[in-house]
Amino acid sequence: MTKIKLYIYIILVLFIVANIMQKLIMTRKYIDTNLITARVLFMKNMQNCYVKTRNWSFFIPNCDQYREGEFLEVSGSRSGDSDKGFFQLKRLKVQAVKRIFLNRFSVKHWWNRALVFIYQQKDVFLERGLFYLPPTHASLVAGMVFGGTDFLPQELQQAFQATGLTHVVSASGYNVSVVAGMVLFLLSKILSKRFSSLATIFFIWSYAIAAELVAPIIRSSIMISLNLIASRVFFRQYNLLFSLLFTVLVMLLWEPFYAQSLSFWLSTLATLGIILVLPLLEGEESWFSRLSTGHFSDQKVSTTSNVFQESFLVTLAAQSLTLPLVITVFGEFSVLSFLTNTVLLWLTPLITISGLGLMMVGFLLSPWPGLWQFLAPTLGLVVWLPTELFISSVGWFGQFKWGLVKFSLPWWAVGMWWGMLGIIVLRKKCYAH
């Protein structure tokens, strides 16, 4: 069984390398200028008419003429300056926009209505729940809960990059795990194991839609759903490695464009590193490692481990696979990332859970604005304290400009890195058995 798992690891890494190499060659030597069509659900809160789909990013001209919830077909050509890298969204130069009228009895019509409803509730959560927080703190909480750095000050964004902490404000699988863990804990108090798991799956996918169904969110949502269905509904043993491989293959078959998504590969590799490398570093499984992979089971875990030690070990395991890819794609890496993640990573679930809780309370008390106005400053202080500590610490570490080092690796070096890591993991696991 140990060898089978590691063979899967090797196949997965080789598959990733093959896709990266193919996309690198295709993108560097070919620019598609043919007419491209994208479809998008129009929402009022699109910033400056800027739209992002799973494959493209573009500006809709004269977007004020469209109503919320309308389904639009956008045609254009790929811009010659699309992206600096070959993994990110491709820029579309819009040439025509037309409305698509759907039959009200069609599945797409009701799916779009569900999307509009979820996005509207997300806006209500953000506006009412974070209204009494300072703008920077509110933006950070929103980023940790739903992903995104668009509204953070430029200096703070640069500090996140210099300290290697950008991942905490990006829509990632870790966000889903934190939300799922909180919802499962609350629902388990009032519902049976099976019903609480099924209800949690519903909340997970509602959250995934609110987080705009980006690739890492989808991957983690699928894995956590499989986990809950297997372990808590059918009471079967759950295999993390098989679940990861199955999810990756299904996503790539469903949407081949994910092969070009850097966030997808980083999320996948980080999870794979935690699954394979972390057990070799820690004596027994902890709640933090469970949270990092979204592995919710009834088996007892260590609750007495040092939170800073666990943060360091999880960071080391995750970056064992992601670091060479980051260096190769961006030509730089943060030498402070191990230190900053060790010191600050434990604050992210605290900020995420307290921030989401504040939004939920604000939403529930919205019919009584006087009561919410009275309670909000006190409740907001609970969120403000860890958020202020996080922002201040990131700003302090970010002032060290030497923390971001320019460095690059050739592709063959990445393959050697992953190959050597696989050999180490294989030998360790063989000796363990």
Protein backbone atom coordinates (compact mmCIF):
# COMPACT_ATOMS: atom_id res chain seq x y z
CA MET A 1 0.00 0.00 0.00
CA THR A 2 2.86 2.36 0.79
CA LYS A 3 4.44 1.83 -2.61
CA ILE A 4 1.11 2.34 -4.38
CA LYS A 5 0.62 5.67 -2.67
CA LEU A 6 4.07 6.86 -3.59
CA TYR A 7 3.66 5.68 -7.18
CA ILE A 8 0.56 7.84 -7.31
CA TYR A 9 2.65 10.71 -5.97
CA ILE A 10 5.27 10.24 -8.67
CA ILE A 11 2.64 9.97 -11.43
CA LEU A 12 0.92 13.10 -10.18
CA VAL A 13 4.15 15.12 -10.06
CA LEU A 14 5.16 13.93 -13.53
CA PHE A 15 1.73 14.80 -14.82
CA ILE A 16 2.09 18.29 -13.41
CA VAL A 17 5.56 18.73 -14.90
CA ALA A 18 4.32 17.57 -18.31
CA ASN A 19 1.44 20.04 -18.27
CA ILE A 20 3.63 22.89 -17.08
CA MET A 21 6.18 22.25 -19.80
CA GLN A 22 3.49 22.05 -22.47
CA LYS A 23 1.81 25.27 -21.37
CA LEU A 24 5.16 27.04 -21.05
CA ILE A 25 6.04 26.24 -24.67
CA MET A 26 2.56 26.95 -26.01
CA THR A 27 2.24 30.29 -24.24
CA ARG A 28 5.70 31.59 -25.03
CA LYS A 29 5.41 30.82 -28.76
CA TYR A 30 1.71 31.20 -29.56
CA ILE A 31 -0.86 33.96 -29.13
CA ASP A 32 -4.43 33.18 -30.07
CA THR A 33 -5.97 36.07 -32.01
CA ASN A 34 -9.14 34.24 -33.09
CA LEU A 35 -12.55 35.33 -31.89
CA ILE A 36 -13.25 34.07 -28.36
CA THR A 37 -16.60 33.84 -26.61
CA ALA A 38 -17.13 33.95 -22.85
CA ARG A 39 -20.35 33.92 -20.85
CA VAL A 40 -20.80 35.78 -17.58
CA LEU A 41 -23.51 36.50 -15.03
CA PHE A 42 -23.66 40.27 -14.56
CA MET A 43 -23.60 41.62 -11.00
CA LYS A 44 -23.88 45.22 -9.84
CA ASN A 45 -20.85 44.99 -7.59
CA MET A 46 -18.41 44.39 -10.46
CA GLN A 47 -15.61 46.86 -9.76
CA ASN A 48 -15.26 49.34 -12.64
CA CYS A 49 -17.01 46.88 -15.01
CA TYR A 50 -14.11 44.42 -14.51
CA VAL A 51 -15.08 40.76 -14.85
CA LYS A 52 -13.23 37.56 -14.06
CA THR A 53 -14.38 34.15 -15.25
CA ARG A 54 -12.58 30.83 -14.78
CA ASN A 55 -10.65 31.39 -18.01
CA TRP A 56 -10.65 35.11 -18.84
CA SER A 57 -10.53 38.61 -17.43
CA PHE A 58 -11.97 41.62 -19.27
CA PHE A 59 -13.77 44.94 -18.99
CA ILE A 60 -17.41 45.23 -20.08
CA PRO A 61 -17.92 48.59 -21.86
CA ASN A 62 -20.88 50.71 -20.69
CA CYS A 63 -21.82 48.17 -18.05
CA ASP A 64 -24.37 50.54 -16.46
CA GLN A 65 -26.90 49.53 -19.10
CA TYR A 66 -27.11 45.95 -17.79
CA ARG A 67 -29.21 44.76 -14.89
CA GLU A 68 -28.14 42.52 -12.04
CA GLY A 69 -28.64 38.86 -12.86
CA GLU A 70 -28.52 39.22 -16.64
CA PHE A 71 -26.64 36.57 -18.57
CA LEU A 72 -24.20 38.08 -21.09
CA GLU A 73 -22.22 36.66 -23.97
CA VAL A 74 -18.94 38.51 -24.46
CA SER A 75 -16.93 38.15 -27.68
CA GLY A 76 -13.42 39.39 -28.33
CA SER A 77 -9.84 38.47 -29.02
CA ARG A 78 -7.04 37.54 -26.71
CA SER A 79 -4.92 40.55 -25.83
CA GLY A 80 -1.27 40.39 -26.83
CA ASP A 81 -0.18 41.43 -23.33
CA SER A 82 -2.23 38.73 -21.62
CA ASP A 83 -0.68 38.03 -18.26
CA LYS A 84 2.91 38.04 -17.21
CA GLY A 85 2.80 34.30 -16.62
CA PHE A 86 1.23 31.38 -18.38
CA PHE A 87 -0.80 30.15 -15.42
CA GLN A 88 -3.01 33.16 -14.79
CA LEU A 89 -6.22 34.43 -16.35
CA LYS A 90 -5.97 35.42 -20.00
CA ARG A 91 -6.89 39.01 -20.85
CA LEU A 92 -9.74 39.38 -23.35
CA LYS A 93 -10.13 42.45 -25.56
CA VAL A 94 -13.92 42.82 -25.78
CA GLN A 95 -15.46 43.51 -29.20
CA ALA A 96 -19.15 42.74 -28.65
CA VAL A 97 -21.56 42.10 -25.78
CA LYS A 98 -25.08 40.72 -26.12
CA ARG A 99 -27.77 39.60 -23.71
CA ILE A 100 -28.80 35.96 -23.49
CA PHE A 101 -32.44 35.39 -22.60
CA LEU A 102 -33.04 32.11 -20.79
CA ASN A 103 -36.27 30.17 -20.48
CA ARG A 104 -37.56 30.70 -16.97
CA PHE A 105 -38.15 26.96 -16.66
CA SER A 106 -34.59 26.07 -17.65
CA VAL A 107 -31.96 24.83 -15.21
CA LYS A 108 -29.61 27.69 -16.19
CA HIS A 109 -32.25 30.27 -15.32
CA TRP A 110 -32.69 28.97 -11.80
CA TRP A 111 -28.97 28.37 -11.38
CA ASN A 112 -28.34 32.02 -12.22
CA ARG A 113 -31.02 33.12 -9.80
CA ALA A 114 -29.37 31.03 -7.08
CA LEU A 115 -26.01 32.66 -7.90
CA VAL A 116 -27.51 36.15 -7.68
CA PHE A 117 -29.11 35.31 -4.32
CA ILE A 118 -25.86 33.94 -2.86
CA TYR A 119 -23.82 36.93 -4.11
CA GLN A 120 -26.39 39.32 -2.67
CA GLN A 121 -26.26 37.60 0.72
CA LYS A 122 -22.47 37.75 0.59
CA ASP A 123 -22.65 41.53 0.06
CA VAL A 124 -25.06 41.84 2.99
CA PHE A 125 -22.72 39.81 5.19
CA LEU A 126 -19.77 42.03 4.31
CA GLU A 127 -21.58 45.36 4.57
CA ARG A 128 -23.41 44.75 7.83
CA GLY A 129 -20.92 42.52 9.59
CA LEU A 130 -17.76 44.54 8.91
CA PHE A 131 -19.24 48.03 8.91
CA TYR A 132 -17.77 48.96 12.31
CA LEU A 133 -14.25 47.74 11.53
CA PRO A 134 -11.58 50.07 10.07
CA PRO A 135 -11.38 49.74 6.25
CA THR A 136 -8.03 47.94 6.21
CA HIS A 137 -9.11 45.48 8.90
CA ALA A 138 -12.44 44.88 7.17
CA SER A 139 -10.68 44.24 3.85
CA LEU A 140 -8.29 41.77 5.48
CA VAL A 141 -11.14 39.87 7.16
CA ALA A 142 -13.08 39.78 3.87
CA GLY A 143 -9.96 38.53 2.10
CA MET A 144 -9.38 35.78 4.63
CA VAL A 145 -13.00 34.65 4.53
CA PHE A 146 -13.78 34.93 0.81
CA GLY A 147 -10.37 35.58 -0.77
CA GLY A 148 -9.07 38.66 -2.53
CA THR A 149 -6.61 41.52 -1.95
CA ASP A 150 -8.18 44.12 -4.26
CA PHE A 151 -9.18 46.50 -1.46
CA LEU A 152 -6.07 46.20 0.68
CA PRO A 153 -3.64 49.15 0.64
CA GLN A 154 -0.83 48.76 -1.89
CA GLU A 155 1.84 48.87 0.82
CA LEU A 156 0.16 46.03 2.71
CA GLN A 157 -0.13 43.95 -0.46
CA GLN A 158 3.59 44.40 -1.04
CA ALA A 159 4.26 43.43 2.58
CA PHE A 160 2.24 40.23 2.10
CA GLN A 161 4.33 39.41 -0.95
CA ALA A 162 7.62 40.12 0.81
CA THR A 163 6.68 37.97 3.80
CA GLY A 164 5.27 35.05 1.79
CA LEU A 165 1.80 35.42 3.33
CA THR A 166 -0.23 36.24 0.23
CA HIS A 167 -1.84 32.80 0.41
CA VAL A 168 -3.79 33.72 3.57
CA VAL A 169 -5.82 36.34 1.66
CA SER A 170 -6.24 34.24 -1.46
CA ALA A 171 -9.22 32.00 -2.00
CA SER A 172 -7.74 28.64 -1.03
CA GLY A 173 -8.63 25.23 0.25
CA TYR A 174 -7.64 26.32 3.74
CA ASN A 175 -10.53 28.82 3.74
CA VAL A 176 -12.96 26.01 2.97
CA SER A 177 -11.53 23.82 5.72
CA VAL A 178 -11.90 26.55 8.34
CA VAL A 179 -15.49 27.33 7.32
CA ALA A 180 -16.39 23.63 7.10
CA GLY A 181 -14.85 22.93 10.51
CA MET A 182 -16.82 25.74 12.16
CA VAL A 183 -20.13 24.78 10.52
CA LEU A 184 -19.64 21.07 11.29
CA PHE A 185 -18.84 21.83 14.93
CA LEU A 186 -21.98 23.96 15.35
CA LEU A 187 -24.34 21.63 13.50
CA SER A 188 -23.02 18.54 15.32
CA LYS A 189 -24.43 20.03 18.54
CA ILE A 190 -28.01 20.03 17.25
CA LEU A 191 -28.14 17.37 14.49
CA SER A 192 -27.14 13.75 14.12
CA LYS A 193 -23.80 12.86 12.59
CA ARG A 194 -25.23 12.10 9.16
CA PHE A 195 -27.56 15.10 8.93
CA SER A 196 -24.93 17.50 10.24
CA SER A 197 -22.50 16.22 7.60
CA LEU A 198 -25.01 16.60 4.76
CA ALA A 199 -25.98 20.09 5.97
CA THR A 200 -22.29 21.00 6.17
CA ILE A 201 -21.79 19.91 2.56
CA PHE A 202 -24.63 22.25 1.55
CA PHE A 203 -22.98 25.16 3.40
CA ILE A 204 -19.57 24.29 1.92
CA TRP A 205 -20.83 24.59 -1.64
CA SER A 206 -22.81 27.73 -0.86
CA TYR A 207 -19.59 29.21 0.48
CA ALA A 208 -17.69 27.96 -2.59
CA ILE A 209 -20.13 29.83 -4.84
CA ALA A 210 -19.78 32.98 -2.72
CA ALA A 211 -15.99 32.65 -3.11
CA GLU A 212 -16.56 32.63 -6.90
CA LEU A 213 -15.77 28.93 -7.47
CA VAL A 214 -12.06 29.40 -8.04
CA ALA A 215 -10.04 26.24 -8.63
CA PRO A 216 -8.54 25.77 -5.09
CA ILE A 217 -11.98 26.30 -3.53
CA ILE A 218 -13.54 23.68 -5.82
CA ARG A 219 -10.74 21.19 -5.12
CA SER A 220 -11.04 21.53 -1.38
CA SER A 221 -14.87 21.47 -1.47
CA ILE A 222 -14.84 18.20 -3.41
CA MET A 223 -12.30 16.62 -1.06
CA ILE A 224 -14.12 17.69 2.11
CA SER A 225 -17.45 16.53 0.68
CA LEU A 226 -15.95 13.12 -0.12
CA ASN A 227 -14.46 13.01 3.38
CA LEU A 228 -17.77 13.74 5.10
CA ILE A 229 -19.77 11.36 2.90
CA ALA A 230 -17.30 8.50 3.39
CA SER A 231 -16.44 8.86 7.08
CA ARG A 232 -19.58 10.35 8.63
CA VAL A 233 -22.42 9.22 6.35
CA PHE A 234 -21.32 5.72 5.25
CA PHE A 235 -18.77 5.25 8.09
CA ARG A 236 -16.05 4.13 5.68
CA GLN A 237 -12.30 4.68 5.95
CA TYR A 238 -11.26 7.85 4.13
CA ASN A 239 -8.01 7.96 2.13
CA LEU A 240 -6.68 11.49 1.69
CA LEU A 241 -4.16 10.67 -1.02
CA PHE A 242 -6.67 8.79 -3.19
CA SER A 243 -9.21 11.58 -2.68
CA LEU A 244 -6.70 14.21 -3.81
CA LEU A 245 -5.69 12.27 -6.92
CA PHE A 246 -9.32 11.51 -7.80
CA THR A 247 -10.34 15.16 -7.34
CA VAL A 248 -7.45 16.48 -9.46
CA LEU A 249 -8.19 14.09 -12.32
CA VAL A 250 -11.92 14.84 -12.27
CA MET A 251 -11.31 18.60 -12.29
CA LEU A 252 -8.83 18.38 -15.16
CA LEU A 253 -11.18 16.20 -17.21
CA TRP A 254 -14.11 18.53 -16.49
CA GLU A 255 -12.16 21.75 -17.14
CA PRO A 256 -8.78 21.30 -18.88
CA PHE A 257 -8.04 25.00 -18.36
CA TYR A 258 -7.18 24.19 -14.73
CA ALA A 259 -3.91 22.79 -16.08
CA GLN A 260 -2.90 26.43 -16.68
CA SER A 261 -4.00 27.69 -13.27
CA LEU A 262 -1.11 28.40 -10.93
CA SER A 263 -3.43 28.62 -7.91
CA PHE A 264 -4.81 25.17 -8.72
CA TRP A 265 -1.36 23.57 -8.86
CA LEU A 266 -0.06 25.37 -5.78
CA SER A 267 -3.12 24.31 -3.80
CA THR A 268 -2.79 20.73 -5.03
CA LEU A 269 0.94 20.52 -4.35
CA ALA A 270 0.60 22.10 -0.90
CA THR A 271 -2.04 19.55 0.06
CA LEU A 272 0.04 16.71 -1.36
CA GLY A 273 3.06 17.92 0.63
CA ILE A 274 1.04 18.01 3.84
CA ILE A 275 -0.33 14.51 3.21
CA LEU A 276 3.04 12.91 2.41
CA VAL A 277 5.66 14.94 4.26
CA LEU A 278 3.91 16.18 7.41
CA PRO A 279 3.48 12.68 8.97
CA LEU A 280 7.26 12.28 8.74
CA LEU A 281 7.80 15.52 10.67
CA GLU A 282 5.27 15.33 13.49
CA GLY A 283 4.89 12.63 16.09
CA GLU A 284 1.10 12.44 15.96
CA GLU A 285 -1.62 14.08 13.94
CA SER A 286 -2.76 17.46 15.30
CA TRP A 287 -5.86 19.60 14.83
CA PHE A 288 -3.83 22.06 12.74
CA SER A 289 -2.76 19.42 10.23
CA ARG A 290 -6.36 18.18 10.06
CA LEU A 291 -7.50 21.71 9.35
CA SER A 292 -4.88 22.13 6.64
CA THR A 293 -6.20 19.18 4.65
CA GLY A 294 -9.88 19.33 5.58
CA HIS A 295 -9.71 15.83 7.05
CA PHE A 296 -12.62 15.71 9.51
CA SER A 297 -12.94 12.34 11.21
CA ASP A 298 -13.87 11.06 14.63
CA GLN A 299 -10.37 9.85 15.46
CA LYS A 300 -8.79 11.72 18.34
CA VAL A 301 -5.92 14.07 17.58
CA SER A 302 -3.28 15.75 19.66
CA THR A 303 -4.54 18.97 21.23
CA THR A 304 -1.50 19.70 23.38
CA SER A 305 1.02 20.38 20.61
CA ASN A 306 2.71 23.75 20.34
CA VAL A 307 0.80 25.94 17.87
CA PHE A 308 3.99 27.61 16.60
CA GLN A 309 5.66 24.24 16.09
CA GLU A 310 2.63 22.98 14.16
CA SER A 311 2.55 26.15 12.03
CA PHE A 312 6.20 25.64 11.13
CA LEU A 313 5.80 21.94 10.31
CA VAL A 314 2.71 22.53 8.16
CA THR A 315 4.50 25.34 6.32
CA LEU A 316 7.59 23.18 5.77
CA ALA A 317 5.51 20.28 4.47
CA ALA A 318 3.43 22.45 2.14
CA GLN A 319 6.42 24.35 0.74
CA SER A 320 8.44 21.17 0.20
CA LEU A 321 6.53 20.80 -3.09
CA THR A 322 5.34 24.33 -3.85
CA LEU A 323 8.55 26.30 -3.30
CA PRO A 324 10.42 25.14 -6.45
CA LEU A 325 7.38 25.89 -8.60
CA VAL A 326 7.01 29.39 -7.11
CA ILE A 327 10.71 30.13 -7.67
CA THR A 328 10.57 28.92 -11.27
CA VAL A 329 7.40 30.80 -12.22
CA PHE A 330 8.05 34.12 -10.44
CA GLY A 331 11.83 34.12 -10.27
CA GLU A 332 11.73 35.14 -6.61
CA PHE A 333 10.86 33.83 -3.17
CA SER A 334 10.52 35.14 0.35
CA VAL A 335 13.25 34.03 2.74
CA LEU A 336 11.01 35.26 5.56
CA SER A 337 8.10 32.98 4.67
CA PHE A 338 9.04 30.18 7.07
CA LEU A 339 9.41 32.62 9.95
CA THR A 340 6.28 34.66 9.19
CA ASN A 341 4.11 31.59 8.61
CA THR A 342 5.36 30.04 11.83
CA VAL A 343 4.66 33.17 13.87
CA LEU A 344 1.41 34.31 12.22
CA LEU A 345 -0.31 31.38 10.51
CA TRP A 346 -2.19 30.34 13.66
CA LEU A 347 -3.98 33.70 13.60
CA THR A 348 -5.68 33.01 10.26
CA PRO A 349 -8.31 30.52 11.52
CA LEU A 350 -8.95 32.78 14.50
CA ILE A 351 -9.54 35.82 12.26
CA THR A 352 -11.53 33.81 9.72
CA ILE A 353 -13.85 32.21 12.27
CA SER A 354 -14.37 35.36 14.34
CA GLY A 355 -14.87 37.47 11.19
CA LEU A 356 -17.40 35.05 9.74
CA GLY A 357 -19.13 34.90 13.12
CA LEU A 358 -19.34 38.69 13.21
CA MET A 359 -20.90 38.70 9.73
CA MET A 360 -23.46 36.09 10.75
CA VAL A 361 -24.46 37.98 13.90
CA GLY A 362 -24.74 41.21 11.92
CA PHE A 363 -26.95 39.46 9.36
CA LEU A 364 -29.20 37.88 12.02
CA LEU A 365 -29.58 41.15 13.95
CA SER A 366 -30.23 43.27 10.85
CA PRO A 367 -34.00 43.49 11.64
CA TRP A 368 -33.03 45.23 14.90
CA PRO A 369 -30.53 47.92 13.83
CA GLY A 370 -30.52 49.54 17.27
CA LEU A 371 -29.46 46.31 18.96
CA TRP A 372 -26.79 45.63 16.34
CA GLN A 373 -25.48 49.18 16.62
CA PHE A 374 -25.16 48.66 20.36
CA LEU A 375 -23.42 45.27 20.19
CA ALA A 376 -21.30 45.71 17.04
CA PRO A 377 -18.47 47.82 18.54
CA THR A 378 -17.92 45.30 21.34
CA LEU A 379 -18.14 42.24 19.10
CA GLY A 380 -16.01 43.97 16.48
CA LEU A 381 -13.26 44.42 19.06
CA VAL A 382 -12.91 40.62 19.28
CA VAL A 383 -12.16 40.57 15.54
CA TRP A 384 -10.11 43.76 15.54
CA LEU A 385 -7.54 42.55 18.09
CA PRO A 386 -6.13 39.53 16.17
CA THR A 387 -6.51 41.41 12.89
CA GLU A 388 -4.52 44.37 14.22
CA LEU A 389 -1.83 42.01 15.50
CA PHE A 390 -1.65 40.35 12.08
CA ILE A 391 -1.52 43.63 10.11
CA SER A 392 1.08 45.16 12.42
CA SER A 393 3.27 42.06 12.28
CA VAL A 394 3.06 41.80 8.48
CA GLY A 395 3.92 45.50 8.19
CA TRP A 396 6.90 45.10 10.50
CA PHE A 397 8.30 42.06 8.70
CA GLY A 398 7.51 43.61 5.33
CA GLN A 399 9.85 46.54 5.91
CA PHE A 400 12.82 44.23 5.37
CA LYS A 401 13.25 44.55 1.62
CA TRP A 402 15.93 41.88 1.59
CA GLY A 403 13.21 39.36 2.49
CA LEU A 404 12.25 39.00 -1.19
CA VAL A 405 15.11 37.35 -3.05
CA LYS A 406 15.42 37.21 -6.84
CA PHE A 407 16.26 33.67 -7.80
CA SER A 408 15.23 31.21 -10.50
CA LEU A 409 15.40 27.47 -11.11
CA PRO A 410 15.51 25.62 -14.45
CA TRP A 411 12.72 23.15 -15.08
CA TRP A 412 14.99 20.13 -14.76
CA ALA A 413 15.96 21.26 -11.26
CA VAL A 414 12.28 21.28 -10.26
CA GLY A 415 11.94 17.71 -11.49
CA MET A 416 15.05 16.67 -9.56
CA TRP A 417 13.76 18.38 -6.40
CA TRP A 418 10.44 16.52 -6.55
CA GLY A 419 12.15 13.26 -7.47
CA MET A 420 14.56 13.40 -4.53
CA LEU A 421 11.70 14.28 -2.19
CA GLY A 422 9.76 11.27 -3.45
CA ILE A 423 12.71 8.97 -2.78
CA ILE A 424 13.06 10.32 0.77
CA VAL A 425 9.36 9.89 1.49
CA LEU A 426 9.35 6.38 0.01
CA ARG A 427 12.32 5.25 2.08
CA LYS A 428 10.94 6.74 5.28
CA LYS A 429 7.57 5.08 4.80
CA CYS A 430 9.13 1.74 3.88
CA TYR A 431 11.22 1.79 7.07
CA ALA A 432 8.13 2.75 9.07
CA HIS A 433 6.39 -0.40 7.88
